[in-house]
Amino acid sequence: LNDDDWSRTAHALKGAARGIGAFDLGDLAARAEAEPPPTDQARSSTIADLRGALRAVERFVAERKR
């Protein structure tokens, strides 16, 4: 992704996450939106952080469905 695509994607994720109350995920996305990682390695690290936060949201939702 180029920086514009990265920022647009992070912005969309931020809004969606905050809209459902997943504020940790939204905050990570906000940081990614404001400061696109400068290298592929940094982007991979940011994506891993976002995935971790998403997994926490998934676990929360799964627990509430029981």
PDB file of N, CA and C in Angstrom:
ATOM      1  N   LEU A   1       0.840  -1.193   0.000  1.00  0.00           N
ATOM      2  CA  LEU A   1       0.000   0.000   0.000  1.00  0.00           C
ATOM      3  C   LEU A   1       0.877   1.246   0.000  1.00  0.00           C
ATOM      4  N   ASN A   2       0.450   2.231  -0.743  1.00  0.00           N
ATOM      5  CA  ASN A   2       1.155   3.503  -0.642  1.00  0.00           C
ATOM      6  C   ASN A   2       0.642   4.237   0.611  1.00  0.00           C
ATOM      7  N   ASP A   3       1.268   5.356   0.959  1.00  0.00           N
ATOM      8  CA  ASP A   3       0.899   6.055   2.185  1.00  0.00           C
ATOM      9  C   ASP A   3      -0.560   6.503   2.200  1.00  0.00           C
ATOM     10  N   ASP A   4      -1.084   6.942   1.058  1.00  0.00           N
ATOM     11  CA  ASP A   4      -2.485   7.368   1.010  1.00  0.00           C
ATOM     12  C   ASP A   4      -3.433   6.199   1.261  1.00  0.00           C
ATOM     13  N   ASP A   5      -3.176   5.077   0.622  1.00  0.00           N
ATOM     14  CA  ASP A   5      -4.006   3.891   0.831  1.00  0.00           C
ATOM     15  C   ASP A   5      -3.903   3.411   2.278  1.00  0.00           C
ATOM     16  N   TRP A   6      -2.688   3.427   2.809  1.00  0.00           N
ATOM     17  CA  TRP A   6      -2.470   3.030   4.205  1.00  0.00           C
ATOM     18  C   TRP A   6      -3.314   3.902   5.130  1.00  0.00           C
ATOM     19  N   SER A   7      -3.220   5.221   4.942  1.00  0.00           N
ATOM     20  CA  SER A   7      -3.944   6.151   5.814  1.00  0.00           C
ATOM     21  C   SER A   7      -5.452   5.994   5.684  1.00  0.00           C
ATOM     22  N   ARG A   8      -5.951   5.817   4.467  1.00  0.00           N
ATOM     23  CA  ARG A   8      -7.396   5.624   4.262  1.00  0.00           C
ATOM     24  C   ARG A   8      -7.880   4.336   4.926  1.00  0.00           C
ATOM     25  N   THR A   9      -7.095   3.282   4.794  1.00  0.00           N
ATOM     26  CA  THR A   9      -7.470   2.008   5.402  1.00  0.00           C
ATOM     27  C   THR A   9      -7.447   2.106   6.921  1.00  0.00           C
ATOM     28  N   ALA A  10      -6.408   2.725   7.458  1.00  0.00           N
ATOM     29  CA  ALA A  10      -6.314   2.904   8.908  1.00  0.00           C
ATOM     30  C   ALA A  10      -7.466   3.781   9.414  1.00  0.00           C
ATOM     31  N   HIS A  11      -7.825   4.798   8.648  1.00  0.00           N
ATOM     32  CA  HIS A  11      -8.940   5.678   9.032  1.00  0.00           C
ATOM     33  C   HIS A  11     -10.250   4.895   9.093  1.00  0.00           C
ATOM     34  N   ALA A  12     -10.484   4.068   8.105  1.00  0.00           N
ATOM     35  CA  ALA A  12     -11.716   3.264   8.081  1.00  0.00           C
ATOM     36  C   ALA A  12     -11.749   2.291   9.261  1.00  0.00           C
ATOM     37  N   LEU A  13     -10.618   1.660   9.549  1.00  0.00           N
ATOM     38  CA  LEU A  13     -10.547   0.740  10.683  1.00  0.00           C
ATOM     39  C   LEU A  13     -10.766   1.487  11.991  1.00  0.00           C
ATOM     40  N   LYS A  14     -10.176   2.656  12.111  1.00  0.00           N
ATOM     41  CA  LYS A  14     -10.350   3.469  13.321  1.00  0.00           C
ATOM     42  C   LYS A  14     -11.826   3.761  13.562  1.00  0.00           C
ATOM     43  N   GLY A  15     -12.523   4.200  12.542  1.00  0.00           N
ATOM     44  CA  GLY A  15     -13.937   4.525  12.682  1.00  0.00           C
ATOM     45  C   GLY A  15     -14.787   3.314  13.017  1.00  0.00           C
ATOM     46  N   ALA A  16     -14.526   2.214  12.345  1.00  0.00           N
ATOM     47  CA  ALA A  16     -15.292   0.999  12.601  1.00  0.00           C
ATOM     48  C   ALA A  16     -15.047   0.493  14.021  1.00  0.00           C
ATOM     49  N   ALA A  17     -13.791   0.491  14.438  1.00  0.00           N
ATOM     50  CA  ALA A  17     -13.459  -0.001  15.779  1.00  0.00           C
ATOM     51  C   ALA A  17     -14.091   0.874  16.855  1.00  0.00           C
ATOM     52  N   ARG A  18     -13.937   2.165  16.717  1.00  0.00           N
ATOM     53  CA  ARG A  18     -14.501   3.068  17.724  1.00  0.00           C
ATOM     54  C   ARG A  18     -16.023   3.016  17.715  1.00  0.00           C
ATOM     55  N   GLY A  19     -16.599   2.771  16.556  1.00  0.00           N
ATOM     56  CA  GLY A  19     -18.049   2.685  16.447  1.00  0.00           C
ATOM     57  C   GLY A  19     -18.652   1.524  17.221  1.00  0.00           C
ATOM     58  N   ILE A  20     -17.853   0.481  17.442  1.00  0.00           N
ATOM     59  CA  ILE A  20     -18.364  -0.660  18.213  1.00  0.00           C
ATOM     60  C   ILE A  20     -17.767  -0.704  19.620  1.00  0.00           C
ATOM     61  N   GLY A  21     -17.016   0.332  19.969  1.00  0.00           N
ATOM     62  CA  GLY A  21     -16.455   0.399  21.310  1.00  0.00           C
ATOM     63  C   GLY A  21     -15.133  -0.313  21.491  1.00  0.00           C
ATOM     64  N   ALA A  22     -14.475  -0.668  20.399  1.00  0.00           N
ATOM     65  CA  ALA A  22     -13.169  -1.327  20.468  1.00  0.00           C
ATOM     66  C   ALA A  22     -12.083  -0.245  20.453  1.00  0.00           C
ATOM     67  N   PHE A  23     -11.986   0.459  21.567  1.00  0.00           N
ATOM     68  CA  PHE A  23     -11.148   1.658  21.605  1.00  0.00           C
ATOM     69  C   PHE A  23      -9.655   1.374  21.515  1.00  0.00           C
ATOM     70  N   ASP A  24      -9.182   0.254  22.045  1.00  0.00           N
ATOM     71  CA  ASP A  24      -7.758  -0.064  21.909  1.00  0.00           C
ATOM     72  C   ASP A  24      -7.393  -0.248  20.443  1.00  0.00           C
ATOM     73  N   LEU A  25      -8.221  -0.994  19.722  1.00  0.00           N
ATOM     74  CA  LEU A  25      -8.000  -1.184  18.293  1.00  0.00           C
ATOM     75  C   LEU A  25      -8.103   0.154  17.558  1.00  0.00           C
ATOM     76  N   GLY A  26      -9.097   0.944  17.904  1.00  0.00           N
ATOM     77  CA  GLY A  26      -9.263   2.255  17.277  1.00  0.00           C
ATOM     78  C   GLY A  26      -8.082   3.172  17.519  1.00  0.00           C
ATOM     79  N   ASP A  27      -7.529   3.128  18.727  1.00  0.00           N
ATOM     80  CA  ASP A  27      -6.369   3.970  19.035  1.00  0.00           C
ATOM     81  C   ASP A  27      -5.135   3.538  18.238  1.00  0.00           C
ATOM     82  N   LEU A  28      -4.940   2.237  18.107  1.00  0.00           N
ATOM     83  CA  LEU A  28      -3.827   1.757  17.280  1.00  0.00           C
ATOM     84  C   LEU A  28      -3.998   2.191  15.830  1.00  0.00           C
ATOM     85  N   ALA A  29      -5.222   2.083  15.331  1.00  0.00           N
ATOM     86  CA  ALA A  29      -5.489   2.498  13.954  1.00  0.00           C
ATOM     87  C   ALA A  29      -5.286   3.998  13.789  1.00  0.00           C
ATOM     88  N   ALA A  30      -5.657   4.777  14.798  1.00  0.00           N
ATOM     89  CA  ALA A  30      -5.464   6.228  14.736  1.00  0.00           C
ATOM     90  C   ALA A  30      -3.980   6.576  14.639  1.00  0.00           C
ATOM     91  N   ARG A  31      -3.158   5.876  15.395  1.00  0.00           N
ATOM     92  CA  ARG A  31      -1.711   6.113  15.319  1.00  0.00           C
ATOM     93  C   ARG A  31      -1.181   5.732  13.939  1.00  0.00           C
ATOM     94  N   ALA A  32      -1.665   4.611  13.412  1.00  0.00           N
ATOM     95  CA  ALA A  32      -1.229   4.182  12.080  1.00  0.00           C
ATOM     96  C   ALA A  32      -1.667   5.180  11.013  1.00  0.00           C
ATOM     97  N   GLU A  33      -2.844   5.747  11.194  1.00  0.00           N
ATOM     98  CA  GLU A  33      -3.340   6.737  10.240  1.00  0.00           C
ATOM     99  C   GLU A  33      -2.503   8.011  10.289  1.00  0.00           C
ATOM    100  N   ALA A  34      -2.191   8.473  11.486  1.00  0.00           N
ATOM    101  CA  ALA A  34      -1.486   9.742  11.646  1.00  0.00           C
ATOM    102  C   ALA A  34      -0.034   9.671  11.198  1.00  0.00           C
ATOM    103  N   GLU A  35       0.588   8.514  11.417  1.00  0.00           N
ATOM    104  CA  GLU A  35       1.996   8.344  11.089  1.00  0.00           C
ATOM    105  C   GLU A  35       2.203   7.023  10.355  1.00  0.00           C
ATOM    106  N   PRO A  36       1.972   7.009   9.040  1.00  0.00           N
ATOM    107  CA  PRO A  36       2.190   5.761   8.303  1.00  0.00           C
ATOM    108  C   PRO A  36       3.620   5.260   8.530  1.00  0.00           C
ATOM    109  N   PRO A  37       3.772   3.979   8.859  1.00  0.00           N
ATOM    110  CA  PRO A  37       5.122   3.442   9.089  1.00  0.00           C
ATOM    111  C   PRO A  37       6.004   3.652   7.865  1.00  0.00           C
ATOM    112  N   PRO A  38       7.253   4.029   8.106  1.00  0.00           N
ATOM    113  CA  PRO A  38       8.131   4.406   6.988  1.00  0.00           C
ATOM    114  C   PRO A  38       8.720   3.244   6.199  1.00  0.00           C
ATOM    115  N   THR A  39       8.710   2.032   6.769  1.00  0.00           N
ATOM    116  CA  THR A  39       9.327   0.892   6.079  1.00  0.00           C
ATOM    117  C   THR A  39       8.372  -0.291   6.079  1.00  0.00           C
ATOM    118  N   ASP A  40       8.650  -1.248   5.208  1.00  0.00           N
ATOM    119  CA  ASP A  40       7.837  -2.467   5.177  1.00  0.00           C
ATOM    120  C   ASP A  40       7.916  -3.214   6.500  1.00  0.00           C
ATOM    121  N   GLN A  41       9.094  -3.224   7.112  1.00  0.00           N
ATOM    122  CA  GLN A  41       9.252  -3.907   8.395  1.00  0.00           C
ATOM    123  C   GLN A  41       8.406  -3.223   9.468  1.00  0.00           C
ATOM    124  N   ALA A  42       8.396  -1.901   9.496  1.00  0.00           N
ATOM    125  CA  ALA A  42       7.583  -1.168  10.470  1.00  0.00           C
ATOM    126  C   ALA A  42       6.099  -1.394  10.205  1.00  0.00           C
ATOM    127  N   ARG A  43       5.723  -1.455   8.946  1.00  0.00           N
ATOM    128  CA  ARG A  43       4.317  -1.728   8.615  1.00  0.00           C
ATOM    129  C   ARG A  43       3.917  -3.118   9.077  1.00  0.00           C
ATOM    130  N   SER A  44       4.799  -4.079   8.876  1.00  0.00           N
ATOM    131  CA  SER A  44       4.508  -5.446   9.326  1.00  0.00           C
ATOM    132  C   SER A  44       4.314  -5.484  10.841  1.00  0.00           C
ATOM    133  N   SER A  45       5.114  -4.746  11.549  1.00  0.00           N
ATOM    134  CA  SER A  45       4.992  -4.681  13.005  1.00  0.00           C
ATOM    135  C   SER A  45       3.670  -4.034  13.412  1.00  0.00           C
ATOM    136  N   THR A  46       3.304  -2.960  12.739  1.00  0.00           N
ATOM    137  CA  THR A  46       2.037  -2.281  13.028  1.00  0.00           C
ATOM    138  C   THR A  46       0.860  -3.200  12.724  1.00  0.00           C
ATOM    139  N   ILE A  47       0.931  -3.906  11.613  1.00  0.00           N
ATOM    140  CA  ILE A  47      -0.139  -4.850  11.258  1.00  0.00           C
ATOM    141  C   ILE A  47      -0.249  -5.945  12.309  1.00  0.00           C
ATOM    142  N   ALA A  48       0.880  -6.436  12.798  1.00  0.00           N
ATOM    143  CA  ALA A  48       0.850  -7.464  13.847  1.00  0.00           C
ATOM    144  C   ALA A  48       0.176  -6.916  15.109  1.00  0.00           C
ATOM    145  N   ASP A  49       0.465  -5.671  15.469  1.00  0.00           N
ATOM    146  CA  ASP A  49      -0.181  -5.051  16.628  1.00  0.00           C
ATOM    147  C   ASP A  49      -1.691  -4.927  16.412  1.00  0.00           C
ATOM    148  N   LEU A  50      -2.076  -4.513  15.217  1.00  0.00           N
ATOM    149  CA  LEU A  50      -3.502  -4.380  14.902  1.00  0.00           C
ATOM    150  C   LEU A  50      -4.197  -5.744  14.952  1.00  0.00           C
ATOM    151  N   ARG A  51      -3.541  -6.756  14.429  1.00  0.00           N
ATOM    152  CA  ARG A  51      -4.116  -8.112  14.469  1.00  0.00           C
ATOM    153  C   ARG A  51      -4.297  -8.586  15.907  1.00  0.00           C
ATOM    154  N   GLY A  52      -3.332  -8.292  16.756  1.00  0.00           N
ATOM    155  CA  GLY A  52      -3.447  -8.666  18.166  1.00  0.00           C
ATOM    156  C   GLY A  52      -4.632  -7.989  18.825  1.00  0.00           C
ATOM    157  N   ALA A  53      -4.816  -6.710  18.543  1.00  0.00           N
ATOM    158  CA  ALA A  53      -5.955  -5.983  19.107  1.00  0.00           C
ATOM    159  C   ALA A  53      -7.263  -6.518  18.541  1.00  0.00           C
ATOM    160  N   LEU A  54      -7.272  -6.876  17.277  1.00  0.00           N
ATOM    161  CA  LEU A  54      -8.468  -7.452  16.668  1.00  0.00           C
ATOM    162  C   LEU A  54      -8.807  -8.795  17.300  1.00  0.00           C
ATOM    163  N   ARG A  55      -7.804  -9.602  17.571  1.00  0.00           N
ATOM    164  CA  ARG A  55      -8.059 -10.890  18.237  1.00  0.00           C
ATOM    165  C   ARG A  55      -8.683 -10.680  19.615  1.00  0.00           C
ATOM    166  N   ALA A  56      -8.248  -9.647  20.319  1.00  0.00           N
ATOM    167  CA  ALA A  56      -8.835  -9.344  21.625  1.00  0.00           C
ATOM    168  C   ALA A  56     -10.311  -8.984  21.469  1.00  0.00           C
ATOM    169  N   VAL A  57     -10.642  -8.241  20.433  1.00  0.00           N
ATOM    170  CA  VAL A  57     -12.043  -7.895  20.160  1.00  0.00           C
ATOM    171  C   VAL A  57     -12.826  -9.163  19.834  1.00  0.00           C
ATOM    172  N   GLU A  58     -12.260 -10.019  19.018  1.00  0.00           N
ATOM    173  CA  GLU A  58     -12.933 -11.270  18.658  1.00  0.00           C
ATOM    174  C   GLU A  58     -13.196 -12.135  19.889  1.00  0.00           C
ATOM    175  N   ARG A  59     -12.211 -12.219  20.785  1.00  0.00           N
ATOM    176  CA  ARG A  59     -12.406 -12.998  22.022  1.00  0.00           C
ATOM    177  C   ARG A  59     -13.510 -12.391  22.879  1.00  0.00           C
ATOM    178  N   PHE A  60     -13.524 -11.076  22.984  1.00  0.00           N
ATOM    179  CA  PHE A  60     -14.549 -10.390  23.763  1.00  0.00           C
ATOM    180  C   PHE A  60     -15.942 -10.694  23.214  1.00  0.00           C
ATOM    181  N   VAL A  61     -16.095 -10.597  21.909  1.00  0.00           N
ATOM    182  CA  VAL A  61     -17.384 -10.864  21.276  1.00  0.00           C
ATOM    183  C   VAL A  61     -17.771 -12.320  21.469  1.00  0.00           C
ATOM    184  N   ALA A  62     -16.836 -13.231  21.285  1.00  0.00           N
ATOM    185  CA  ALA A  62     -17.137 -14.655  21.456  1.00  0.00           C
ATOM    186  C   ALA A  62     -17.589 -14.968  22.871  1.00  0.00           C
ATOM    187  N   GLU A  63     -16.972 -14.361  23.859  1.00  0.00           N
ATOM    188  CA  GLU A  63     -17.363 -14.587  25.250  1.00  0.00           C
ATOM    189  C   GLU A  63     -18.770 -14.064  25.522  1.00  0.00           C
ATOM    190  N   ARG A  64     -19.148 -13.003  24.881  1.00  0.00           N
ATOM    191  CA  ARG A  64     -20.479 -12.406  25.106  1.00  0.00           C
ATOM    192  C   ARG A  64     -21.575 -13.201  24.419  1.00  0.00           C
ATOM    193  N   LYS A  65     -21.208 -13.975  23.414  1.00  0.00           N
ATOM    194  CA  LYS A  65     -22.195 -14.771  22.673  1.00  0.00           C
ATOM    195  C   LYS A  65     -22.583 -16.036  23.426  1.00  0.00           C
ATOM    196  N   ARG A  66     -21.799 -16.406  24.444  1.00  0.00           N
ATOM    197  CA  ARG A  66     -22.069 -17.635  25.184  1.00  0.00           C
ATOM    198  C   ARG A  66     -23.270 -17.491  26.058  1.00  0.00           C
TER     199      ARG A  66
END
